[in-house]
Amino acid sequence: MADHGEAMCRQVDGGTTRVFELFGKRWTGLIVATLMPGPVHFADLRRAIPGISERMLSDRLMELSATGLVVREVDAGPPLRVSYRLTEAGLALEPSLKELARWAETYLTDGGQCPERFRQ
């Protein structure tokens, strides 16, 4: 094991910090993953993510919109409907999300634990 000084242990890459400031929030990754195939209406998005409240979904969508990952579009009614889609920057996350899902399939059980064979 490498010997790291205290300063090295406290230093975290700036890009990694920014990613986890955004994706470390509950629901954010699931929202982005749900939008990956294409635009989704608000009600359908809420149904696709069990357990998320309308308020939390709305808050996360506003955050993702403010960061430039999601675009809110109002569909001409009646009835008036709002849909959300990923921007080019949001769609660029697809390879990373697929890789994280592949990692989870290998290293995490359904309960969120690493199997014993990987704990060394």
Protein backbone atom coordinates (compact mmCIF):
# COMPACT_ATOMS: atom_id res chain seq x y z
CA MET A 1 0.00 0.00 0.00
CA ALA A 2 1.29 3.45 -0.88
CA ASP A 3 2.31 5.75 1.94
CA HIS A 4 0.32 8.97 1.65
CA GLY A 5 0.88 12.05 3.72
CA GLU A 6 -1.96 13.94 5.34
CA ALA A 7 -2.05 16.53 2.53
CA MET A 8 -2.39 13.83 -0.13
CA CYS A 9 -5.30 12.20 1.71
CA ARG A 10 -7.17 15.50 1.90
CA GLN A 11 -6.68 16.40 -1.75
CA VAL A 12 -9.51 15.38 -4.04
CA ASP A 13 -9.64 16.06 -7.74
CA GLY A 14 -11.77 19.11 -8.56
CA GLY A 15 -13.71 17.35 -11.31
CA THR A 16 -14.55 14.44 -9.04
CA THR A 17 -15.71 16.87 -6.39
CA ARG A 18 -18.03 18.66 -8.83
CA VAL A 19 -19.50 15.38 -10.10
CA PHE A 20 -20.30 14.10 -6.62
CA GLU A 21 -21.69 17.46 -5.49
CA LEU A 22 -24.31 16.98 -8.20
CA PHE A 23 -24.72 13.19 -8.39
CA GLY A 24 -24.25 12.62 -4.68
CA LYS A 25 -27.75 13.97 -4.14
CA ARG A 26 -30.46 11.36 -3.83
CA TRP A 27 -32.49 10.76 -7.01
CA THR A 28 -30.28 12.77 -9.39
CA GLY A 29 -28.66 9.76 -11.07
CA LEU A 30 -31.99 7.97 -11.44
CA ILE A 31 -33.56 11.03 -13.05
CA VAL A 32 -30.72 11.35 -15.55
CA ALA A 33 -30.84 7.61 -16.31
CA THR A 34 -34.61 7.76 -16.86
CA LEU A 35 -34.22 10.66 -19.28
CA MET A 36 -31.42 8.95 -21.23
CA PRO A 37 -33.69 7.31 -23.88
CA GLY A 38 -35.50 10.57 -24.66
CA PRO A 39 -37.95 13.21 -23.41
CA VAL A 40 -40.29 12.22 -20.56
CA HIS A 41 -43.38 13.98 -19.22
CA PHE A 42 -43.25 14.99 -15.56
CA ALA A 43 -45.98 12.53 -14.47
CA ASP A 44 -44.32 9.65 -16.32
CA LEU A 45 -40.96 10.55 -14.81
CA ARG A 46 -42.46 10.47 -11.32
CA ARG A 47 -44.04 7.05 -11.98
CA ALA A 48 -40.74 5.71 -13.31
CA ILE A 49 -38.90 6.53 -10.08
CA PRO A 50 -40.73 4.86 -7.17
CA GLY A 51 -40.53 6.74 -3.89
CA ILE A 52 -39.72 10.19 -5.21
CA SER A 53 -42.14 12.97 -4.26
CA GLU A 54 -43.39 15.56 -6.74
CA ARG A 55 -41.59 18.27 -4.77
CA MET A 56 -38.25 16.41 -4.77
CA LEU A 57 -38.55 15.60 -8.46
CA SER A 58 -39.31 19.22 -9.24
CA ASP A 59 -36.36 20.42 -7.13
CA ARG A 60 -33.91 17.98 -8.74
CA LEU A 61 -35.13 18.85 -12.23
CA MET A 62 -34.60 22.55 -11.50
CA GLU A 63 -31.05 21.81 -10.30
CA LEU A 64 -30.30 19.71 -13.38
CA SER A 65 -31.73 22.45 -15.57
CA ALA A 66 -29.61 25.10 -13.83
CA THR A 67 -26.48 23.02 -14.45
CA GLY A 68 -27.31 22.67 -18.14
CA LEU A 69 -27.99 18.94 -18.16
CA VAL A 70 -31.77 19.06 -18.61
CA VAL A 71 -34.17 21.18 -20.66
CA ARG A 72 -37.78 21.79 -19.61
CA GLU A 73 -40.26 21.97 -22.50
CA VAL A 74 -43.93 22.90 -22.29
CA ASP A 75 -46.06 20.92 -24.74
CA ALA A 76 -48.92 22.82 -26.35
CA GLY A 77 -52.20 21.74 -24.86
CA PRO A 78 -54.80 21.07 -24.12
CA PRO A 79 -53.94 19.49 -21.85
CA LEU A 80 -50.85 21.48 -20.95
CA ARG A 81 -47.99 19.03 -20.31
CA VAL A 82 -44.38 19.55 -19.33
CA SER A 83 -41.62 17.25 -20.51
CA TYR A 84 -37.92 17.09 -19.79
CA ARG A 85 -35.03 15.99 -21.94
CA LEU A 86 -31.28 15.77 -21.56
CA THR A 87 -29.04 18.29 -23.28
CA GLU A 88 -25.92 17.26 -25.19
CA ALA A 89 -24.00 17.52 -21.89
CA GLY A 90 -26.55 15.28 -20.16
CA LEU A 91 -26.48 12.70 -22.94
CA ALA A 92 -22.68 12.62 -22.72
CA LEU A 93 -23.08 10.94 -19.31
CA GLU A 94 -24.42 7.75 -20.90
CA PRO A 95 -21.09 5.88 -21.12
CA SER A 96 -20.33 6.70 -17.48
CA LEU A 97 -23.76 5.58 -16.29
CA LYS A 98 -23.51 2.35 -18.27
CA GLU A 99 -20.09 1.66 -16.77
CA LEU A 100 -21.39 2.29 -13.24
CA ALA A 101 -24.30 -0.09 -13.89
CA ARG A 102 -21.87 -2.73 -15.19
CA TRP A 103 -19.72 -2.28 -12.07
CA ALA A 104 -22.79 -2.67 -9.84
CA GLU A 105 -23.80 -5.89 -11.61
CA THR A 106 -20.38 -7.33 -10.83
CA TYR A 107 -19.60 -5.94 -7.38
CA LEU A 108 -22.90 -5.15 -5.63
CA THR A 109 -25.64 -7.53 -4.62
CA ASP A 110 -29.30 -6.49 -4.63
CA GLY A 111 -28.86 -5.46 -1.01
CA GLY A 112 -26.06 -3.05 -1.93
CA GLN A 113 -23.23 -5.09 -0.41
CA CYS A 114 -20.05 -6.37 -2.04
CA PRO A 115 -19.99 -10.18 -2.04
CA GLU A 116 -17.41 -11.79 0.27
CA ARG A 117 -15.24 -12.91 -2.66
CA PHE A 118 -14.44 -9.26 -3.43
CA ARG A 119 -13.61 -8.22 0.16
CA GLN A 120 -9.88 -8.69 0.50
